[in-house]
Protein backbone atom coordinates (compact mmCIF):
# COMPACT_ATOMS: atom_id res chain seq x y z
CA UNK A 1 37.80 -59.45 12.71
CA UNK A 2 37.23 -55.58 12.86
CA UNK A 3 37.80 -53.45 9.90
CA UNK A 4 40.95 -51.29 9.98
CA UNK A 5 40.24 -47.50 10.62
CA UNK A 6 41.01 -45.31 7.65
CA UNK A 7 44.48 -43.62 7.74
CA UNK A 8 42.75 -40.23 7.90
CA UNK A 9 41.47 -40.89 11.40
CA UNK A 10 44.74 -42.15 12.94
CA UNK A 11 47.27 -40.05 14.49
CA UNK A 12 50.88 -41.20 15.06
CA UNK A 13 53.75 -40.26 17.51
CA UNK A 14 56.23 -40.52 14.50
CA UNK A 15 56.29 -40.94 10.80
CA UNK A 16 59.59 -42.33 9.24
CA UNK A 17 60.25 -41.92 5.51
CA UNK A 18 63.68 -43.16 4.40
CA UNK A 19 64.81 -43.03 0.75
CA UNK A 20 61.19 -42.57 -0.48
CA UNK A 21 60.34 -38.87 -0.88
CA UNK A 22 63.28 -38.38 -3.27
CA UNK A 23 61.61 -40.63 -5.76
CA UNK A 24 58.26 -38.75 -5.81
CA UNK A 25 57.90 -36.03 -8.44
CA UNK A 26 58.55 -32.49 -7.04
CA UNK A 27 54.99 -31.14 -7.61
CA UNK A 28 53.56 -34.03 -5.41
CA UNK A 29 56.04 -33.69 -2.50
CA UNK A 30 54.27 -30.81 -0.71
CA UNK A 31 50.90 -32.50 -0.68
CA UNK A 32 52.49 -35.59 0.65
CA UNK A 33 54.22 -33.59 3.50
CA UNK A 34 50.79 -32.02 4.32
CA UNK A 35 49.29 -35.44 4.73
CA UNK A 36 52.00 -36.59 6.83
CA UNK A 37 51.82 -33.64 9.02
CA UNK A 38 47.95 -34.26 9.31
CA UNK A 39 48.80 -37.93 10.64
CA UNK A 40 51.18 -36.59 13.43
CA UNK A 41 49.94 -35.92 16.92
CA UNK A 42 50.96 -32.65 18.39
CA UNK A 43 54.68 -32.74 19.07
CA UNK A 44 54.98 -35.80 16.79
CA UNK A 45 58.22 -36.36 14.91
CA UNK A 46 58.77 -36.64 11.22
CA UNK A 47 62.11 -38.32 10.19
CA UNK A 48 62.99 -38.42 6.54
CA UNK A 49 65.88 -38.49 4.04
CA UNK A 50 65.59 -35.77 1.52
CA UNK A 51 67.87 -34.20 -1.14
CA UNK A 52 70.32 -31.49 -0.21
CA UNK A 53 70.55 -29.89 -3.59
CA UNK A 54 67.99 -29.74 -6.44
CA UNK A 55 68.15 -32.43 -9.02
CA UNK A 56 65.70 -34.46 -11.07
CA UNK A 57 66.95 -37.10 -13.47
CA UNK A 58 67.63 -40.89 -14.03
CA UNK A 59 70.89 -42.79 -13.15
CA UNK A 60 70.57 -45.27 -16.11
CA UNK A 61 72.99 -47.80 -14.29
CA UNK A 62 72.01 -47.55 -10.70
CA UNK A 63 74.83 -49.02 -8.40
CA UNK A 64 76.18 -50.80 -11.50
CA UNK A 65 73.39 -53.01 -11.77
CA UNK A 66 72.07 -51.95 -15.23
CA UNK A 67 68.59 -50.75 -13.75
CA UNK A 68 67.60 -47.17 -14.04
CA UNK A 69 66.67 -45.20 -10.99
CA UNK A 70 64.63 -41.96 -11.04
CA UNK A 71 65.13 -39.13 -8.69
CA UNK A 72 63.43 -35.85 -7.81
CA UNK A 73 64.35 -33.68 -5.09
CA UNK A 74 64.58 -30.19 -3.91
CA UNK A 75 67.44 -28.36 -2.10
CA UNK A 76 67.68 -28.45 1.53
CA UNK A 77 66.20 -25.00 2.07
CA UNK A 78 63.02 -25.89 -0.08
CA UNK A 79 62.62 -29.07 1.85
CA UNK A 80 62.73 -27.22 5.16
CA UNK A 81 60.23 -24.69 3.97
CA UNK A 82 57.82 -27.29 2.63
CA UNK A 83 57.98 -29.16 6.08
CA UNK A 84 57.42 -25.99 7.96
CA UNK A 85 54.54 -24.99 5.83
CA UNK A 86 53.02 -28.54 5.96
CA UNK A 87 52.64 -28.25 9.76
């Protein structure tokens, strides 16, 4: 069986990230977005859920299930700027 190619050599028509970026520390989000931009073919699409207002913290009882959930997201304007700069 052939070995898979490294992700750095592949290009995609689209990348989808639902409910993932908001759990990555803010300082790590711009570098992740730059990597995603590098994976896209010219004219490719990036579809993602992001925060609409800046907030970092923990919900200690996520959905009433007793489990903590950590969040870290920028406001909508910052997210837009990071994505524009990543391209």
